[in-house]
């Protein structure tokens, strides 16, 4: 008899393991405190994982596969991989152990260590999900100081023949339409109301709370909005291509107080737990575009494809190329603790109040809210990357370390010194006002650098570049910032830097 382990993000019904039922194989799935407690997770994230795992196990059992499922409240559950596996293996007639390669380094190491101590043969197999192998990006950029995403993206398009012609030239004559996809949402196009499965999750919430698991955020127990089955995920994919893809690219960077989802697909959770395969998502979007080219511009499609074929695979490649040292990167030596209001949303800065409040309510914020609002502030304020990592990993429903850490520590916080991002992604209030309606209802004045009601982003922006001048002023992509700093009068610079210092000292009161 073979025991096969399935982790909570390995819900791939198309995996070759499930080609046909086999009475000689038992699948093991577990809801463990080991996984709920390593950071403080959003309640919706814990609910989504458990609901998806349970639905997956039930569906495979209905197909004839043998499952051993240890729920959180099962008295037989010892809540760590080692102890549960030891008990299960000792209690059954198992002569072989198999598992799918984990996507997180810590679990990869843990399972490798466990297998070294087993007295039966063991084997790790591929999860059959990603479009690249673990070290493919590292091999592509051997000897390079930076990993250029655009190079990787073009190679991926050619390799998988995505949006290219027979000569491997890109559709529309361009690889990247990003310059066309940076519009503020102006209300001209109606935003479709987000649709979800409206699942009842009260029993799961009750179990989680009775177990004493620390969580953050809120949950609607009677109408859970996230897909946790393959059928629900496919329905959300259809909703996206029909209702949101026509405007996805145009407004993918926009932020709005009135619309938490805008034109985003909200497919990152089902993708990251493998309910959906990346190529089926991409192919469905391409298929719909091909039938509706008169209504949907190529820039809309390319912007979406780039997120999946390019950025998602790129982030995984960076993770495996640089772990475990990547988790210790802090190139700017930032040391400040994350303000307490990151956990409550109770701040006078409207952009942060809304973005954090939305995250607490839905366990979701789109990439620009993460990069240019919460991440921007954390970088300007000099928050330690460990603090930022833990917050992002906990609060977002789609956050698994392989995708969260390179986005946070690399792209958002510049902690890798420029491996992922060619410059720090920071901005003053000007960007916030350009891409959102946040400044309109804010207590702070977007135009002021200093003074009682000056927007903190303005003074912190210049303070950031001033304190990191030795490292950053030779970067050709940000030379304009140092030209402006150099042109400031001594009085103006002093007032601006002084305002930033005051805000950093009173950071909990912002």
Protein backbone atom coordinates (compact mmCIF):
# COMPACT_ATOMS: atom_id res chain seq x y z
CA UNK A 1 0.00 0.00 0.00
CA UNK A 2 1.25 3.49 -0.92
CA UNK A 3 0.54 6.60 1.16
CA UNK A 4 0.42 9.78 -0.87
CA UNK A 5 0.50 13.17 0.85
CA UNK A 6 -1.43 16.14 -0.53
CA UNK A 7 -0.81 19.62 0.85
CA UNK A 8 -3.49 22.28 0.98
CA UNK A 9 -2.25 24.03 -2.16
CA UNK A 10 -2.01 20.83 -4.24
CA UNK A 11 -5.63 20.53 -5.34
CA UNK A 12 -4.94 19.55 -8.93
CA UNK A 13 -7.62 17.09 -10.05
CA UNK A 14 -5.88 16.80 -13.45
CA UNK A 15 -2.71 15.42 -11.85
CA UNK A 16 -1.68 12.04 -13.22
CA UNK A 17 -2.15 10.60 -9.73
CA UNK A 18 -5.89 10.84 -10.27
CA UNK A 19 -6.06 9.28 -13.75
CA UNK A 20 -7.81 6.27 -12.23
CA UNK A 21 -8.67 5.04 -8.72
CA UNK A 22 -6.27 2.54 -7.19
CA UNK A 23 -7.15 0.54 -4.07
CA UNK A 24 -3.43 0.22 -3.35
CA UNK A 25 -3.12 3.99 -2.80
CA UNK A 26 -4.36 6.11 0.12
CA UNK A 27 -4.24 9.89 -0.04
CA UNK A 28 -3.57 11.85 3.15
CA UNK A 29 -4.76 15.42 3.72
CA UNK A 30 -4.50 17.34 6.99
CA UNK A 31 -5.67 20.61 8.51
CA UNK A 32 -2.72 21.38 10.77
CA UNK A 33 -1.88 24.01 13.36
CA UNK A 34 1.61 23.92 11.88
CA UNK A 35 0.14 25.70 8.86
CA UNK A 36 -2.41 27.95 10.57
CA UNK A 37 -0.01 29.33 13.16
CA UNK A 38 3.32 30.21 11.48
CA UNK A 39 1.92 33.70 10.77
CA UNK A 40 -1.39 35.32 11.71
CA UNK A 41 -3.61 34.57 8.70
CA UNK A 42 -6.78 36.26 7.54
CA UNK A 43 -9.84 34.30 8.67
CA UNK A 44 -10.99 34.10 5.04
CA UNK A 45 -7.67 32.58 4.02
CA UNK A 46 -7.93 29.80 6.60
CA UNK A 47 -11.57 29.19 5.69
CA UNK A 48 -10.78 29.08 1.97
CA UNK A 49 -7.98 26.57 2.37
CA UNK A 50 -9.99 24.25 4.59
CA UNK A 51 -13.13 24.51 2.44
CA UNK A 52 -11.15 23.86 -0.74
CA UNK A 53 -9.29 20.92 0.78
CA UNK A 54 -12.50 19.32 2.03
CA UNK A 55 -14.29 19.80 -1.28
CA UNK A 56 -11.34 18.36 -3.18
CA UNK A 57 -11.10 15.28 -0.96
CA UNK A 58 -14.85 14.68 -1.20
CA UNK A 59 -14.80 14.97 -5.00
CA UNK A 60 -11.92 12.54 -5.36
CA UNK A 61 -13.53 10.09 -2.94
CA UNK A 62 -16.68 10.22 -5.05
CA UNK A 63 -14.52 9.17 -8.00
CA UNK A 64 -13.31 6.12 -6.09
CA UNK A 65 -10.01 7.31 -4.60
CA UNK A 66 -9.16 6.35 -1.01
CA UNK A 67 -8.66 9.30 1.34
CA UNK A 68 -7.61 9.76 4.95
CA UNK A 69 -8.59 13.29 5.97
CA UNK A 70 -7.57 14.74 9.33
CA UNK A 71 -9.74 17.75 10.11
CA UNK A 72 -8.58 20.44 12.51
CA UNK A 73 -10.78 19.10 15.32
CA UNK A 74 -10.01 15.40 14.77
CA UNK A 75 -8.63 14.00 18.05
CA UNK A 76 -6.19 11.88 16.01
CA UNK A 77 -4.65 15.03 14.50
CA UNK A 78 -1.26 15.85 16.05
CA UNK A 79 -0.95 19.03 13.92
CA UNK A 80 2.56 18.72 12.47
CA UNK A 81 3.73 16.91 9.37
CA UNK A 82 6.22 14.75 11.27
CA UNK A 83 3.92 13.58 14.02
CA UNK A 84 0.91 12.98 11.80
CA UNK A 85 2.92 11.08 9.20
CA UNK A 86 4.56 8.96 11.88
CA UNK A 87 1.19 8.01 13.36
CA UNK A 88 -0.44 7.29 10.00
CA UNK A 89 2.45 5.23 8.70
CA UNK A 90 2.66 3.21 11.91
CA UNK A 91 -1.09 2.63 11.93
CA UNK A 92 -1.39 1.35 8.36
CA UNK A 93 0.06 -1.28 6.09
CA UNK A 94 2.13 1.13 4.02
CA UNK A 95 5.24 0.08 2.13
CA UNK A 96 5.82 3.30 0.22
CA UNK A 97 5.43 7.07 0.74
CA UNK A 98 5.01 9.64 -2.03
CA UNK A 99 4.40 13.37 -2.12
CA UNK A 100 4.20 16.19 -4.65
CA UNK A 101 7.04 18.71 -4.54
CA UNK A 102 5.97 21.58 -2.25
CA UNK A 103 6.06 25.16 -3.48
CA UNK A 104 7.43 26.52 -0.19
CA UNK A 105 11.08 26.06 0.76
CA UNK A 106 10.34 25.30 4.42
CA UNK A 107 7.99 22.44 3.50
CA UNK A 108 10.39 21.15 0.88
CA UNK A 109 13.11 20.93 3.51
CA UNK A 110 10.80 19.47 6.11
CA UNK A 111 9.57 16.68 3.85
CA UNK A 112 13.08 15.87 2.64
CA UNK A 113 14.17 15.52 6.28
CA UNK A 114 11.16 13.35 7.12
CA UNK A 115 11.88 11.03 4.20
CA UNK A 116 15.49 10.60 5.29
CA UNK A 117 14.21 9.03 8.49
CA UNK A 118 11.64 6.71 6.92
CA UNK A 119 12.20 2.98 6.83
CA UNK A 120 10.18 2.63 3.62
CA UNK A 121 10.96 3.96 0.11
CA UNK A 122 9.80 7.48 -0.65
CA UNK A 123 9.48 9.57 -3.80
CA UNK A 124 8.74 13.21 -4.64
CA UNK A 125 6.92 13.94 -7.89
CA UNK A 126 6.15 17.14 -9.75
CA UNK A 127 2.89 18.94 -9.01
CA UNK A 128 2.24 19.16 -12.78
CA UNK A 129 1.05 22.74 -12.47
CA UNK A 130 3.70 25.30 -13.37
CA UNK A 131 5.01 26.18 -16.82
CA UNK A 132 8.63 26.09 -15.69
CA UNK A 133 10.72 23.83 -13.51
CA UNK A 134 12.05 25.21 -10.24
CA UNK A 135 15.48 26.28 -11.45
CA UNK A 136 14.60 27.31 -15.01
CA UNK A 137 14.84 31.04 -14.36
CA UNK A 138 18.11 30.64 -12.45
CA UNK A 139 19.57 28.74 -15.37
CA UNK A 140 18.36 31.38 -17.83
CA UNK A 141 20.10 34.18 -15.91
CA UNK A 142 23.25 32.34 -14.82
CA UNK A 143 25.92 34.90 -13.95
CA UNK A 144 23.55 37.88 -14.16
CA UNK A 145 23.20 40.43 -11.35
CA UNK A 146 19.58 41.17 -12.24
CA UNK A 147 16.79 38.98 -13.52
CA UNK A 148 15.04 40.91 -16.28
CA UNK A 149 11.40 39.95 -16.26
CA UNK A 150 10.80 41.13 -19.83
CA UNK A 151 13.43 38.72 -21.14
CA UNK A 152 11.86 35.87 -19.21
CA UNK A 153 8.37 36.82 -20.36
CA UNK A 154 9.27 36.84 -24.04
CA UNK A 155 10.95 33.47 -23.72
CA UNK A 156 7.85 32.08 -22.04
CA UNK A 157 5.60 33.38 -24.80
CA UNK A 158 7.79 31.69 -27.41
CA UNK A 159 8.26 28.47 -25.45
CA UNK A 160 4.53 27.97 -24.95
CA UNK A 161 3.52 29.61 -28.25
CA UNK A 162 1.32 32.18 -26.53
CA UNK A 163 0.18 35.17 -28.62
CA UNK A 164 2.92 34.67 -31.22
CA UNK A 165 2.74 33.84 -34.91
CA UNK A 166 4.49 31.03 -36.76
CA UNK A 167 7.72 33.04 -36.84
CA UNK A 168 7.49 33.63 -33.06
CA UNK A 169 6.75 37.32 -33.56
CA UNK A 170 4.30 38.84 -31.05
CA UNK A 171 0.73 39.57 -32.03
CA UNK A 172 0.25 43.25 -32.76
CA UNK A 173 3.98 43.75 -33.31
CA UNK A 174 4.73 44.42 -29.64
CA UNK A 175 5.53 42.14 -26.71
CA UNK A 176 4.28 44.54 -24.09
CA UNK A 177 1.35 46.99 -24.09
CA UNK A 178 1.95 48.22 -20.55
CA UNK A 179 2.20 51.85 -21.62
CA UNK A 180 -1.45 51.68 -22.70
CA UNK A 181 -2.59 50.12 -19.44
CA UNK A 182 -2.08 52.85 -16.85
CA UNK A 183 -5.38 54.68 -16.77
CA UNK A 184 -7.15 56.11 -13.75
CA UNK A 185 -10.71 54.85 -13.38
CA UNK A 186 -12.93 57.74 -14.40
CA UNK A 187 -16.35 56.14 -14.00
CA UNK A 188 -17.01 56.14 -17.75
CA UNK A 189 -17.19 52.34 -17.89
CA UNK A 190 -19.61 50.60 -15.48
CA UNK A 191 -17.85 48.19 -13.14
CA UNK A 192 -19.66 44.85 -12.89
CA UNK A 193 -20.57 43.83 -9.37
CA UNK A 194 -18.25 41.06 -8.15
CA UNK A 195 -19.95 37.67 -8.30
CA UNK A 196 -19.02 34.81 -6.02
CA UNK A 197 -20.33 31.45 -4.89
CA UNK A 198 -22.02 32.80 -1.71
CA UNK A 199 -21.05 29.71 0.26
CA UNK A 200 -22.12 29.05 3.88
CA UNK A 201 -18.98 28.70 6.04
CA UNK A 202 -20.34 29.19 9.58
CA UNK A 203 -19.34 25.69 10.70
CA UNK A 204 -15.76 26.16 9.53
CA UNK A 205 -15.50 29.57 11.20
CA UNK A 206 -16.88 28.13 14.44
CA UNK A 207 -14.33 25.28 14.38
CA UNK A 208 -11.44 27.65 13.69
CA UNK A 209 -12.43 30.00 16.49
CA UNK A 210 -13.08 27.24 18.99
CA UNK A 211 -9.59 25.89 18.27
CA UNK A 212 -8.17 29.24 19.37
CA UNK A 213 -6.42 30.00 16.08
CA UNK A 214 -5.36 33.64 15.87
CA UNK A 215 -6.68 35.29 12.74
CA UNK A 216 -7.21 38.79 11.38
CA UNK A 217 -9.91 40.39 9.28
CA UNK A 218 -13.59 39.56 8.99
CA UNK A 219 -15.69 37.02 7.13
CA UNK A 220 -19.30 36.83 5.93
CA UNK A 221 -20.21 33.39 7.26
CA UNK A 222 -23.40 33.17 5.22
CA UNK A 223 -22.02 34.32 1.86
CA UNK A 224 -18.36 33.43 1.32
CA UNK A 225 -17.26 35.10 -1.93
CA UNK A 226 -14.18 33.06 -2.89
CA UNK A 227 -14.22 29.96 -5.15
CA UNK A 228 -13.11 26.80 -3.35
CA UNK A 229 -14.02 24.16 -5.95
CA UNK A 230 -12.95 23.70 -9.53
CA UNK A 231 -16.49 24.35 -10.72
CA UNK A 232 -16.69 27.63 -8.82
CA UNK A 233 -13.26 28.62 -10.11
CA UNK A 234 -14.22 27.94 -13.72
CA UNK A 235 -17.38 30.00 -13.22
CA UNK A 236 -15.28 32.92 -11.96
CA UNK A 237 -12.99 32.57 -14.97
CA UNK A 238 -16.01 32.82 -17.25
CA UNK A 239 -17.27 35.86 -15.37
CA UNK A 240 -13.89 37.49 -15.86
CA UNK A 241 -13.50 36.92 -19.60
CA UNK A 242 -17.06 38.04 -20.35
CA UNK A 243 -17.41 40.99 -17.98
CA UNK A 244 -13.94 42.24 -17.01
CA UNK A 245 -11.39 41.31 -19.67
CA UNK A 246 -12.65 44.02 -22.09
CA UNK A 247 -11.34 46.67 -19.67
CA UNK A 248 -8.78 44.77 -17.63
CA UNK A 249 -5.67 46.27 -19.18
CA UNK A 250 -6.93 49.83 -19.31
CA UNK A 251 -7.74 49.96 -15.60
CA UNK A 252 -5.43 47.31 -14.14
CA UNK A 253 -3.42 49.93 -12.24
CA UNK A 254 -6.39 52.06 -11.17
CA UNK A 255 -7.63 52.27 -7.58
CA UNK A 256 -11.12 53.19 -6.46
CA UNK A 257 -12.83 53.59 -3.11
CA UNK A 258 -16.13 52.50 -4.63
CA UNK A 259 -14.97 49.31 -6.38
CA UNK A 260 -12.76 46.84 -4.53
CA UNK A 261 -12.46 44.40 -7.45
CA UNK A 262 -12.66 46.78 -10.44
CA UNK A 263 -11.85 44.68 -13.54
CA UNK A 264 -9.52 42.18 -11.86
CA UNK A 265 -10.04 38.44 -12.30
CA UNK A 266 -9.76 37.39 -8.62
CA UNK A 267 -8.38 34.03 -9.77
CA UNK A 268 -5.13 34.07 -7.80
CA UNK A 269 -6.41 31.86 -4.99
CA UNK A 270 -7.78 29.06 -7.21
CA UNK A 271 -4.63 29.28 -9.32
CA UNK A 272 -2.30 29.13 -6.32
CA UNK A 273 -4.03 26.10 -4.80
CA UNK A 274 -4.06 24.53 -8.29
CA UNK A 275 -7.80 24.28 -8.81
CA UNK A 276 -7.03 25.95 -12.13
CA UNK A 277 -4.05 25.44 -14.42
CA UNK A 278 -2.33 28.61 -15.68
CA UNK A 279 -2.53 27.57 -19.34
CA UNK A 280 -6.25 26.84 -19.19
CA UNK A 281 -6.80 30.33 -17.79
CA UNK A 282 -4.61 31.94 -20.46
CA UNK A 283 -6.09 29.86 -23.27
CA UNK A 284 -9.65 30.68 -22.21
CA UNK A 285 -8.86 34.41 -22.23
CA UNK A 286 -7.21 34.14 -25.66
CA UNK A 287 -10.14 32.12 -27.02
CA UNK A 288 -12.63 34.70 -25.83
CA UNK A 289 -10.54 37.55 -27.25
CA UNK A 290 -10.31 35.83 -30.63
CA UNK A 291 -14.11 35.69 -30.81
CA UNK A 292 -14.55 39.29 -29.66
CA UNK A 293 -11.69 41.28 -31.18
CA UNK A 294 -14.03 44.05 -32.23
CA UNK A 295 -14.90 44.63 -28.56
CA UNK A 296 -11.67 43.75 -26.77
CA UNK A 297 -8.34 45.42 -27.59
CA UNK A 298 -5.16 43.36 -27.72
CA UNK A 299 -3.70 45.43 -24.88
CA UNK A 300 -6.40 44.11 -22.54
CA UNK A 301 -5.47 40.50 -23.30
CA UNK A 302 -1.72 41.01 -23.21
CA UNK A 303 -1.86 42.71 -19.82
CA UNK A 304 -3.68 39.71 -18.36
CA UNK A 305 -1.49 37.09 -20.05
CA UNK A 306 1.64 38.86 -18.80
CA UNK A 307 0.46 38.51 -15.20
CA UNK A 308 0.18 34.71 -15.50
CA UNK A 309 2.66 33.51 -18.13
CA UNK A 310 5.18 36.17 -17.17
CA UNK A 311 5.00 37.57 -13.67
CA UNK A 312 3.61 34.56 -11.80
CA UNK A 313 6.17 32.13 -13.20
CA UNK A 314 8.91 34.73 -12.83
CA UNK A 315 8.20 35.17 -9.12
CA UNK A 316 8.39 31.41 -8.57
CA UNK A 317 11.67 31.30 -10.44
CA UNK A 318 13.19 34.08 -8.33
CA UNK A 319 12.05 32.30 -5.16
CA UNK A 320 13.71 28.98 -5.97
CA UNK A 321 16.81 30.64 -7.42
CA UNK A 322 17.50 32.58 -4.23
CA UNK A 323 16.10 30.65 -1.28
CA UNK A 324 16.90 30.31 1.56
CA UNK A 325 19.11 33.43 1.59
CA UNK A 326 16.36 35.52 -0.03
CA UNK A 327 14.36 35.45 3.19
CA UNK A 328 17.18 37.36 4.92
CA UNK A 329 17.68 40.08 2.31
CA UNK A 330 17.56 43.63 3.68
CA UNK A 331 19.71 45.67 1.30
CA UNK A 332 18.55 49.03 2.65
CA UNK A 333 18.99 47.95 6.29
CA UNK A 334 15.46 48.95 7.24
CA UNK A 335 14.66 48.24 10.89
CA UNK A 336 11.40 49.97 11.84
CA UNK A 337 8.43 47.98 13.18
CA UNK A 338 5.21 47.93 11.17
CA UNK A 339 2.70 50.45 12.61
CA UNK A 340 -0.15 48.89 14.55
CA UNK A 341 -2.73 50.45 12.25
CA UNK A 342 -1.64 48.07 9.48
CA UNK A 343 -3.65 45.48 11.41
CA UNK A 344 -6.73 47.68 11.90
CA UNK A 345 -6.81 50.23 9.06
CA UNK A 346 -7.26 53.00 11.62
CA UNK A 347 -5.15 55.75 10.04
CA UNK A 348 -5.90 59.27 8.82
CA UNK A 349 -4.27 58.56 5.44
CA UNK A 350 -7.23 57.75 3.24
CA UNK A 351 -5.30 55.63 0.72
CA UNK A 352 -3.96 53.38 3.46
CA UNK A 353 -7.20 53.35 5.42
CA UNK A 354 -9.08 52.14 2.35
CA UNK A 355 -6.50 49.67 1.06
CA UNK A 356 -5.97 48.08 4.47
CA UNK A 357 -9.68 48.18 5.29
CA UNK A 358 -10.47 46.47 1.99
CA UNK A 359 -7.81 43.85 2.73
CA UNK A 360 -9.31 43.18 6.15
CA UNK A 361 -12.81 42.89 4.67
CA UNK A 362 -12.04 40.80 1.58
CA UNK A 363 -8.55 39.32 2.17
CA UNK A 364 -7.72 40.97 -1.15
CA UNK A 365 -6.13 44.01 -2.72
CA UNK A 366 -4.90 44.21 -6.28
CA UNK A 367 -1.24 44.53 -7.25
CA UNK A 368 -1.06 48.34 -7.33
CA UNK A 369 -2.71 48.69 -3.92
CA UNK A 370 -0.13 46.24 -2.58
CA UNK A 371 2.83 47.81 -4.38
CA UNK A 372 2.08 51.53 -4.41
CA UNK A 373 -0.02 52.05 -1.28
CA UNK A 374 0.84 49.64 1.55
CA UNK A 375 4.20 48.58 0.12
CA UNK A 376 5.12 52.13 -0.85
CA UNK A 377 4.49 53.41 2.65
CA UNK A 378 6.41 50.54 4.26
CA UNK A 379 9.42 51.20 2.03
CA UNK A 380 9.39 54.96 2.54
CA UNK A 381 9.07 54.50 6.30
CA UNK A 382 11.92 52.00 6.50
CA UNK A 383 9.94 49.04 7.83
CA UNK A 384 11.95 45.84 8.31
CA UNK A 385 11.26 43.40 5.43
CA UNK A 386 10.45 40.62 7.92
CA UNK A 387 7.60 42.73 9.26
CA UNK A 388 6.27 43.43 5.78
CA UNK A 389 6.60 39.77 4.74
CA UNK A 390 4.60 38.54 7.71
CA UNK A 391 1.81 41.04 7.09
CA UNK A 392 1.45 40.29 3.38
CA UNK A 393 1.72 36.55 3.92
CA UNK A 394 -1.04 36.64 6.50
CA UNK A 395 -3.58 39.11 5.17
CA UNK A 396 -4.04 38.01 1.56
CA UNK A 397 -6.02 34.95 0.55
CA UNK A 398 -3.63 34.17 -2.31
CA UNK A 399 -0.43 34.62 -0.30
CA UNK A 400 1.82 31.56 -0.32
CA UNK A 401 5.48 32.22 0.37
CA UNK A 402 6.80 31.36 -3.12
CA UNK A 403 4.73 34.16 -4.65
CA UNK A 404 4.45 36.53 -1.69
CA UNK A 405 8.10 36.84 -0.70
CA UNK A 406 9.64 37.79 -4.09
CA UNK A 407 6.82 40.29 -4.62
CA UNK A 408 7.19 41.78 -1.15
CA UNK A 409 10.90 41.57 -0.40
CA UNK A 410 11.96 42.03 -4.01
CA UNK A 411 9.53 44.12 -6.01
CA UNK A 412 7.89 46.06 -3.19
CA UNK A 413 10.65 46.62 -0.62
CA UNK A 414 13.79 46.60 -2.78
CA UNK A 415 15.32 44.43 -0.08
CA UNK A 416 17.17 42.33 -2.66
CA UNK A 417 19.05 45.42 -3.84
CA UNK A 418 17.62 45.45 -7.33
CA UNK A 419 17.55 41.80 -8.42
CA UNK A 420 13.84 42.01 -9.28
CA UNK A 421 13.15 45.74 -9.58
CA UNK A 422 15.57 48.03 -11.38
CA UNK A 423 14.59 50.84 -8.99
CA UNK A 424 12.67 51.21 -5.71
CA UNK A 425 8.94 51.53 -6.37
CA UNK A 426 8.19 54.61 -4.29
CA UNK A 427 6.07 57.64 -4.96
CA UNK A 428 4.75 60.83 -3.42
CA UNK A 429 1.08 61.75 -3.26
CA UNK A 430 1.23 62.70 -6.93
CA UNK A 431 1.04 59.07 -8.09
CA UNK A 432 -1.74 58.30 -5.62
CA UNK A 433 -3.78 61.21 -6.93
CA UNK A 434 -3.09 60.27 -10.54
CA UNK A 435 -4.23 56.66 -10.20
CA UNK A 436 -7.00 56.85 -7.59
CA UNK A 437 -9.69 58.90 -5.92
CA UNK A 438 -8.10 58.44 -2.49
CA UNK A 439 -6.70 61.95 -2.09
CA UNK A 440 -10.11 63.51 -2.58
CA UNK A 441 -11.39 62.39 0.83
CA UNK A 442 -8.16 62.57 2.82
CA UNK A 443 -7.35 64.52 5.97
CA UNK A 444 -3.95 65.35 4.52
CA UNK A 445 -3.15 67.82 1.75
CA UNK A 446 -1.69 66.05 -1.29
CA UNK A 447 0.11 69.23 -2.40
CA UNK A 448 2.05 69.93 0.80
CA UNK A 449 5.48 68.59 1.72
CA UNK A 450 5.46 70.03 5.23
CA UNK A 451 3.05 71.56 7.69
CA UNK A 452 0.41 70.17 10.04
CA UNK A 453 -1.73 68.61 7.29
CA UNK A 454 0.98 67.78 4.73
CA UNK A 455 0.59 64.36 3.09
CA UNK A 456 3.10 62.00 4.75
CA UNK A 457 3.96 60.43 1.40
CA UNK A 458 5.46 63.71 0.18
CA UNK A 459 8.04 64.28 2.91
CA UNK A 460 8.74 60.57 3.38
CA UNK A 461 9.44 60.29 -0.36
CA UNK A 462 12.22 62.85 -0.24
CA UNK A 463 13.48 61.57 3.10
CA UNK A 464 13.83 58.09 1.56
CA UNK A 465 15.94 59.32 -1.34
CA UNK A 466 17.98 61.61 0.89
CA UNK A 467 18.91 58.88 3.39
CA UNK A 468 19.73 56.36 0.65
CA UNK A 469 21.60 58.76 -1.65
CA UNK A 470 24.90 56.86 -1.40
CA UNK A 471 23.25 53.75 -2.77
CA UNK A 472 20.68 55.13 -5.21
CA UNK A 473 21.80 58.42 -6.72
CA UNK A 474 23.80 56.75 -9.51
CA UNK A 475 20.78 54.72 -10.63
CA UNK A 476 19.92 56.11 -14.09
CA UNK A 477 16.21 55.36 -13.65
CA UNK A 478 15.85 57.73 -10.69
CA UNK A 479 18.27 60.51 -11.51
CA UNK A 480 15.40 62.98 -11.70
CA UNK A 481 14.76 62.59 -7.96
CA UNK A 482 18.28 63.63 -7.08
CA UNK A 483 18.17 66.53 -9.50
CA UNK A 484 15.09 67.79 -7.68
CA UNK A 485 16.69 67.23 -4.29
CA UNK A 486 19.74 69.14 -5.45
CA UNK A 487 17.63 72.06 -6.60
CA UNK A 488 15.80 72.43 -3.28
CA UNK A 489 16.82 75.35 -1.12
CA UNK A 490 18.40 74.52 2.20
CA UNK A 491 15.30 75.83 3.95
CA UNK A 492 12.88 73.76 1.87
CA UNK A 493 14.98 70.61 2.25
CA UNK A 494 15.27 71.13 6.00
CA UNK A 495 11.54 71.63 6.44
CA UNK A 496 10.74 68.58 4.28
CA UNK A 497 13.19 66.27 6.04
CA UNK A 498 12.11 67.60 9.42
CA UNK A 499 8.48 66.89 8.59
CA UNK A 500 9.39 63.32 7.62
CA UNK A 501 11.32 62.81 10.87
CA UNK A 502 8.32 64.03 12.85
CA UNK A 503 6.00 61.67 11.01
CA UNK A 504 8.36 58.74 11.57
CA UNK A 505 8.54 59.52 15.28
CA UNK A 506 4.74 59.72 15.47
CA UNK A 507 4.12 56.92 12.98
CA UNK A 508 1.45 55.25 15.14
CA UNK A 509 -0.60 58.47 15.06
CA UNK A 510 -0.62 59.06 11.30
